[in-house]
Protein backbone atom coordinates (compact mmCIF):
# COMPACT_ATOMS: atom_id res chain seq x y z
CA MET A 1 -34.99 -63.02 70.81
CA ALA A 2 -31.65 -61.22 71.18
CA LEU A 3 -29.06 -62.00 68.52
CA GLY A 4 -26.11 -61.44 70.86
CA THR A 5 -24.29 -58.67 72.67
CA ILE A 6 -22.47 -55.86 70.89
CA GLY A 7 -20.55 -53.03 72.50
CA PHE A 8 -20.62 -49.49 71.11
CA VAL A 9 -18.18 -46.78 72.20
CA GLY A 10 -18.86 -43.25 70.96
CA VAL A 11 -22.57 -42.72 70.42
CA GLY A 12 -22.65 -39.12 69.23
CA LYS A 13 -24.26 -37.75 66.07
CA MET A 14 -23.37 -40.68 63.82
CA GLY A 15 -23.02 -43.36 66.49
CA ASN A 16 -26.47 -42.77 67.98
CA PRO A 17 -28.63 -43.66 64.94
CA MET A 18 -26.32 -46.55 64.06
CA ALA A 19 -26.57 -47.93 67.60
CA LYS A 20 -30.36 -47.63 67.48
CA ARG A 21 -30.44 -49.67 64.28
CA LEU A 22 -28.59 -52.47 66.07
CA ILE A 23 -31.13 -52.41 68.91
CA GLN A 24 -33.99 -52.48 66.42
CA ALA A 25 -32.35 -55.44 64.67
CA GLY A 26 -32.45 -57.44 67.90
CA TYR A 27 -28.96 -57.08 69.36
CA GLU A 28 -28.31 -56.44 73.03
CA LEU A 29 -26.24 -53.28 73.13
CA VAL A 30 -23.78 -52.08 75.78
CA VAL A 31 -22.75 -48.45 75.24
CA TYR A 32 -20.33 -45.86 76.54
CA ASP A 33 -19.79 -42.20 75.76
CA ARG A 34 -18.40 -39.29 77.76
CA ASP A 35 -21.68 -37.50 77.02
CA ALA A 36 -24.15 -38.83 79.61
CA ALA A 37 -27.12 -37.50 77.65
CA ALA A 38 -26.11 -39.50 74.58
CA VAL A 39 -25.89 -42.66 76.69
CA ALA A 40 -29.22 -41.93 78.40
CA ASP A 41 -30.96 -41.61 75.04
CA LEU A 42 -29.80 -45.08 74.04
CA VAL A 43 -30.63 -46.59 77.42
CA ALA A 44 -34.17 -45.30 76.88
CA ALA A 45 -34.11 -47.14 73.53
CA GLY A 46 -33.10 -50.41 75.19
CA ALA A 47 -29.30 -50.35 75.55
CA SER A 48 -27.29 -50.95 78.72
CA ALA A 49 -24.81 -48.35 79.94
CA ALA A 50 -21.19 -49.13 80.79
CA ALA A 51 -18.94 -47.05 83.05
CA SER A 52 -16.04 -46.93 80.58
CA ALA A 53 -14.83 -48.09 77.19
CA ARG A 54 -12.95 -50.88 78.94
CA ALA A 55 -16.17 -51.95 80.67
CA VAL A 56 -17.84 -52.25 77.26
CA ALA A 57 -15.05 -54.59 76.16
CA ASP A 58 -15.49 -56.58 79.38
CA ALA A 59 -19.13 -57.20 78.46
CA ALA A 60 -19.20 -57.68 74.68
CA PRO A 61 -17.26 -59.98 72.32
CA ILE A 62 -17.69 -57.49 69.45
CA VAL A 63 -17.04 -53.79 70.10
CA ILE A 64 -17.74 -50.97 67.63
CA ALA A 65 -16.16 -47.54 68.05
CA SER A 66 -17.11 -44.21 66.49
CA LEU A 67 -14.52 -41.70 67.64
CA PRO A 68 -13.55 -38.21 66.41
CA SER A 69 -9.78 -38.43 65.87
CA PRO A 70 -6.84 -40.83 65.50
CA GLN A 71 -5.40 -39.64 68.81
CA ILE A 72 -8.62 -40.35 70.70
CA LEU A 73 -8.94 -43.74 69.00
CA GLU A 74 -5.43 -44.68 70.10
CA ALA A 75 -6.08 -43.59 73.70
CA VAL A 76 -9.44 -45.33 73.96
CA VAL A 77 -8.50 -48.57 72.22
CA ILE A 78 -4.85 -49.53 72.72
CA ALA A 79 -3.65 -47.46 75.67
CA GLU A 80 -3.34 -49.22 79.02
CA GLY A 81 -6.78 -49.77 80.51
CA GLY A 82 -8.47 -49.30 77.14
CA ILE A 83 -10.62 -51.55 75.02
CA ILE A 84 -7.62 -53.78 74.34
CA ASP A 85 -7.68 -54.93 77.99
CA GLY A 86 -11.31 -56.05 77.90
CA LYS A 87 -12.08 -59.56 79.11
CA ALA A 88 -14.75 -60.42 76.54
CA ILE A 89 -13.70 -58.66 73.34
CA ARG A 90 -12.68 -60.80 70.39
CA VAL A 91 -13.43 -58.45 67.46
CA PHE A 92 -12.97 -54.67 67.29
CA ILE A 93 -14.74 -52.66 64.56
CA ASP A 94 -13.62 -49.07 63.95
CA ILE A 95 -16.22 -47.05 62.04
CA SER A 96 -14.35 -43.78 62.67
CA THR A 97 -12.23 -41.92 60.11
CA THR A 98 -8.73 -42.20 61.55
CA GLY A 99 -6.40 -42.89 58.61
CA PRO A 100 -4.58 -45.99 57.36
CA ARG A 101 -1.47 -45.59 59.51
CA MET A 102 -3.46 -45.47 62.75
CA ALA A 103 -5.60 -48.38 61.56
CA ALA A 104 -2.46 -50.43 61.00
CA LYS A 105 -1.09 -49.49 64.43
CA VAL A 106 -4.31 -50.43 66.18
CA ALA A 107 -4.63 -53.69 64.22
CA ALA A 108 -1.08 -54.74 65.14
CA ALA A 109 -1.62 -54.04 68.84
CA LEU A 110 -4.94 -55.88 68.92
CA GLU A 111 -3.64 -58.84 66.92
CA ALA A 112 -0.89 -59.30 69.51
CA ARG A 113 -3.67 -59.84 72.08
CA GLY A 114 -5.65 -62.21 69.88
CA ILE A 115 -8.27 -59.60 68.95
CA ALA A 116 -9.31 -59.24 65.30
CA SER A 117 -9.44 -55.68 63.98
CA VAL A 118 -11.99 -54.54 61.40
CA ASP A 119 -11.48 -51.18 59.72
CA SER A 120 -14.92 -50.02 58.59
CA PRO A 121 -15.44 -46.26 58.08
CA VAL A 122 -18.81 -45.17 56.70
CA SER A 123 -20.09 -42.48 54.37
CA GLY A 124 -23.57 -41.11 53.80
CA GLY A 125 -24.23 -38.63 56.59
CA LEU A 126 -26.92 -38.62 59.25
CA ALA A 127 -29.70 -39.50 56.83
CA GLY A 128 -27.77 -42.58 55.71
CA ALA A 129 -27.11 -43.56 59.32
CA ARG A 130 -30.79 -43.28 60.26
CA ASN A 131 -32.06 -45.14 57.22
CA GLY A 132 -29.41 -47.84 56.93
CA LYS A 133 -28.21 -46.41 53.62
CA LEU A 134 -24.55 -45.77 54.40
CA ALA A 135 -21.64 -46.84 52.23
CA VAL A 136 -19.74 -49.17 54.55
CA MET A 137 -16.10 -49.72 53.61
CA VAL A 138 -14.48 -52.77 55.18
CA SER A 139 -10.95 -54.13 55.46
CA CYS A 140 -10.19 -57.08 57.73
CA PRO A 141 -8.90 -60.65 57.66
CA ASN A 142 -10.93 -62.84 55.32
CA ASP A 143 -11.85 -65.24 58.11
CA THR A 144 -13.22 -62.37 60.24
CA TYR A 145 -15.48 -60.90 57.55
CA PRO A 146 -18.33 -63.49 57.80
CA ALA A 147 -18.75 -62.72 61.51
CA VAL A 148 -19.11 -58.98 61.02
CA GLU A 149 -20.89 -58.88 57.65
CA PRO A 150 -24.46 -59.27 59.01
CA ILE A 151 -23.82 -56.61 61.65
CA LEU A 152 -22.33 -54.05 59.27
CA ALA A 153 -25.03 -54.76 56.68
CA ILE A 154 -27.53 -53.22 59.12
CA PHE A 155 -25.83 -49.88 58.45
CA GLY A 156 -25.91 -49.98 54.67
CA ARG A 157 -24.16 -51.33 51.58
CA LEU A 158 -20.85 -53.11 52.20
CA PHE A 159 -17.68 -52.71 50.13
CA PHE A 160 -14.89 -55.13 51.03
CA MET A 161 -11.59 -53.36 50.35
CA GLY A 162 -9.24 -56.25 51.18
CA GLU A 163 -7.31 -57.67 54.09
CA THR A 164 -4.70 -54.92 54.43
CA PRO A 165 -5.25 -52.94 57.66
CA GLY A 166 -6.18 -49.38 56.74
CA ALA A 167 -7.34 -50.09 53.19
CA ALA A 168 -10.88 -48.98 54.02
CA GLN A 169 -9.50 -45.86 55.71
CA THR A 170 -7.65 -44.89 52.52
CA MET A 171 -10.88 -45.28 50.57
CA LYS A 172 -12.79 -43.14 53.09
CA LEU A 173 -10.21 -40.34 53.00
CA ALA A 174 -10.34 -40.25 49.21
CA ASN A 175 -14.14 -40.07 49.31
CA ASN A 176 -14.23 -37.29 51.91
CA LEU A 177 -11.66 -35.24 50.04
CA LEU A 178 -13.85 -35.41 46.94
CA ALA A 179 -16.98 -34.46 48.92
CA ALA A 180 -15.27 -31.42 50.46
CA ALA A 181 -13.73 -30.40 47.14
CA ALA A 182 -17.12 -30.56 45.41
CA LEU A 183 -18.63 -28.32 48.07
CA ALA A 184 -15.75 -25.83 47.94
CA VAL A 185 -15.67 -25.35 44.17
CA SER A 186 -19.47 -25.42 43.86
CA SER A 187 -19.64 -22.65 46.46
CA GLU A 188 -17.32 -20.50 44.35
CA ALA A 189 -19.23 -21.19 41.13
CA VAL A 190 -22.70 -20.56 42.55
CA VAL A 191 -21.66 -17.41 44.44
CA MET A 192 -20.14 -16.06 41.22
CA GLY A 193 -23.43 -16.68 39.43
CA VAL A 194 -25.46 -15.01 42.17
CA LYS A 195 -23.11 -12.01 42.10
CA ALA A 196 -23.84 -11.75 38.36
CA GLY A 197 -27.58 -11.82 39.00
CA LEU A 198 -28.38 -15.45 38.27
CA ASP A 199 -31.05 -17.31 40.22
CA PRO A 200 -29.20 -19.95 42.29
CA LYS A 201 -32.01 -22.50 41.94
CA VAL A 202 -31.94 -22.20 38.16
CA MET A 203 -28.14 -22.44 38.28
CA LEU A 204 -28.40 -25.73 40.16
CA ASP A 205 -30.99 -27.05 37.70
CA VAL A 206 -28.62 -26.31 34.82
CA ILE A 207 -25.54 -27.71 36.58
CA ASN A 208 -27.37 -30.89 37.60
CA ALA A 209 -28.56 -31.41 34.02
CA GLY A 210 -25.04 -30.97 32.71
CA SER A 211 -21.44 -31.98 33.26
CA GLY A 212 -20.89 -29.92 36.43
CA ARG A 213 -23.25 -31.91 38.65
CA ASN A 214 -21.78 -33.30 41.87
CA SER A 215 -22.79 -34.27 45.41
CA ALA A 216 -22.88 -30.64 46.54
CA THR A 217 -25.10 -29.34 43.75
CA GLU A 218 -27.42 -32.36 43.85
CA ASP A 219 -27.75 -32.68 47.62
CA LYS A 220 -26.11 -30.12 49.88
CA PHE A 221 -27.13 -26.93 48.10
CA PRO A 222 -30.84 -27.81 47.70
CA LYS A 223 -31.20 -29.24 51.22
CA SER A 224 -29.02 -27.04 53.39
CA ILE A 225 -27.70 -23.96 51.56
CA LEU A 226 -30.60 -22.56 49.52
CA PRO A 227 -32.97 -22.80 52.52
CA ARG A 228 -30.17 -21.30 54.71
CA THR A 229 -30.51 -24.06 57.33
CA PHE A 230 -26.89 -25.25 57.17
CA ASP A 231 -27.88 -28.53 58.76
CA PHE A 232 -26.61 -31.22 56.40
CA GLY A 233 -25.21 -33.11 59.39
CA PHE A 234 -21.43 -33.08 59.02
CA ALA A 235 -19.40 -30.77 61.23
CA THR A 236 -16.81 -28.39 59.76
CA GLY A 237 -14.26 -29.56 62.33
CA LEU A 238 -14.65 -33.18 61.26
CA SER A 239 -14.42 -32.36 57.57
CA PHE A 240 -11.33 -30.26 58.24
CA LYS A 241 -9.81 -33.13 60.22
CA ASP A 242 -10.55 -35.65 57.45
CA VAL A 243 -9.03 -33.49 54.70
CA ARG A 244 -5.96 -32.72 56.80
CA LEU A 245 -5.57 -36.41 57.51
CA CYS A 246 -5.95 -37.24 53.81
CA LEU A 247 -3.22 -34.78 52.85
CA ASP A 248 -0.92 -36.07 55.60
CA GLU A 249 -1.36 -39.63 54.36
CA ALA A 250 -0.86 -38.56 50.73
CA GLU A 251 2.34 -36.73 51.66
CA ALA A 252 3.62 -39.85 53.44
CA MET A 253 2.95 -41.82 50.23
CA GLY A 254 4.57 -39.20 47.99
CA VAL A 255 1.31 -38.27 46.26
CA PRO A 256 0.86 -34.54 45.41
CA MET A 257 -2.36 -32.89 46.59
CA VAL A 258 -2.41 -29.48 44.90
CA VAL A 259 -6.19 -29.11 44.75
CA GLY A 260 -6.58 -30.86 48.07
CA SER A 261 -4.36 -28.23 49.70
CA ALA A 262 -6.74 -25.50 48.53
CA VAL A 263 -9.71 -27.43 49.94
CA ARG A 264 -7.91 -27.79 53.26
CA GLN A 265 -7.33 -24.02 53.34
CA MET A 266 -11.00 -23.32 52.62
CA LEU A 267 -12.02 -25.61 55.46
CA CYS A 268 -9.45 -23.98 57.73
CA MET A 269 -11.06 -20.59 57.05
CA THR A 270 -14.57 -21.98 57.62
CA ASN A 271 -13.46 -23.64 60.84
CA SER A 272 -11.90 -20.39 62.05
CA LEU A 273 -14.85 -18.16 61.15
CA TYR A 274 -17.78 -20.37 62.11
CA GLY A 275 -16.28 -22.89 64.53
CA PRO A 276 -15.71 -26.66 64.41
CA ASP A 277 -19.31 -27.42 65.39
CA SER A 278 -20.76 -25.51 62.43
CA ASP A 279 -22.12 -27.53 59.52
CA PHE A 280 -19.53 -27.88 56.77
CA THR A 281 -22.00 -26.40 54.28
CA SER A 282 -21.06 -23.12 56.02
CA MET A 283 -18.12 -23.17 53.60
CA VAL A 284 -20.27 -21.21 51.14
CA LYS A 285 -20.47 -18.33 53.65
CA VAL A 286 -16.74 -17.73 53.32
CA VAL A 287 -17.16 -17.04 49.60
CA GLU A 288 -20.37 -15.06 50.17
CA ASN A 289 -18.67 -12.75 52.66
CA TYR A 290 -15.94 -11.82 50.21
CA ALA A 291 -18.41 -11.41 47.34
CA HIS A 292 -20.97 -9.47 49.45
CA VAL A 293 -23.86 -11.60 48.23
CA GLU A 294 -25.94 -14.39 49.70
CA VAL A 295 -26.89 -17.57 47.86
CA GLY A 296 -30.65 -17.79 47.90
CA LYS A 297 -31.04 -14.13 47.08
CA ALA A 298 -30.44 -13.23 43.45
CA VAL A 299 -29.03 -9.76 42.81
CA GLU A 300 -29.03 -7.45 39.83
CA PRO A 301 -26.03 -8.07 37.55
CA ALA A 302 -23.25 -5.52 37.74
CA VAL A 303 -23.24 -3.00 34.89
CA VAL A 304 -19.84 -2.60 33.28
CA LYS A 305 -19.39 0.92 31.96
CA ALA A 306 -17.26 1.70 28.95
CA GLY A 307 -14.02 3.43 29.84
């Protein structure tokens, strides 16, 4: 028995497995994406296709969006002919990473039309999306939360950040900055060790048993860097966008981001060299290229001769 109809706009890498979890949970799903293949995959899984984002909002009282940038979110949701003009929509859930200022702008526009706005970015990558193990940050009016809680719980563990529009976005930006920073500095540390002749696997064992352990050394290096697959599941372009957005928001608040600026520059270089569609674990390649070594291949330590 179907639990009700939910709309889903943006069913790419992250949206696809999340949409499939809703279908498996018993919801009727209406989907739209500019990528016809992405829509076809979900139709094969039991969803219905809509001709536009507005058509999704004409068919479903609750619409979820997973979109790549604040600008695209604004155009798809609150521009004329967008989701805001849908006949059926009563609740909008944004699981994208678009920043607190855009979240507040969207919430104000939707509220003026009697549509509740739920800011709910997620963290945990593709594996978390497939397995329902994401961290789901939520900010919305208290009286809206009970209606969306069982839906969002299908995606993972919920963290209610408060009623202020954009509060969950602020939390997500802080988290993504830390994730990118851990990867950047771990890349430098491990490449230095490899250049000196250390075995990178042993390095990671030591780091993860000590005070240097972090999400990159525990997860990204073993899974995607040491095996040279670079397939962790988060695009360089998206990570670059998130860190830029974090720094922009911090600047607007008057918060210095000295280390964050260095992380942004590292992502800028990775984006330029390997493209926005590369996996963000490609960040290590930037350091490798300068050092002339490759993580995964230990080298003989340099011999320093007396002068």
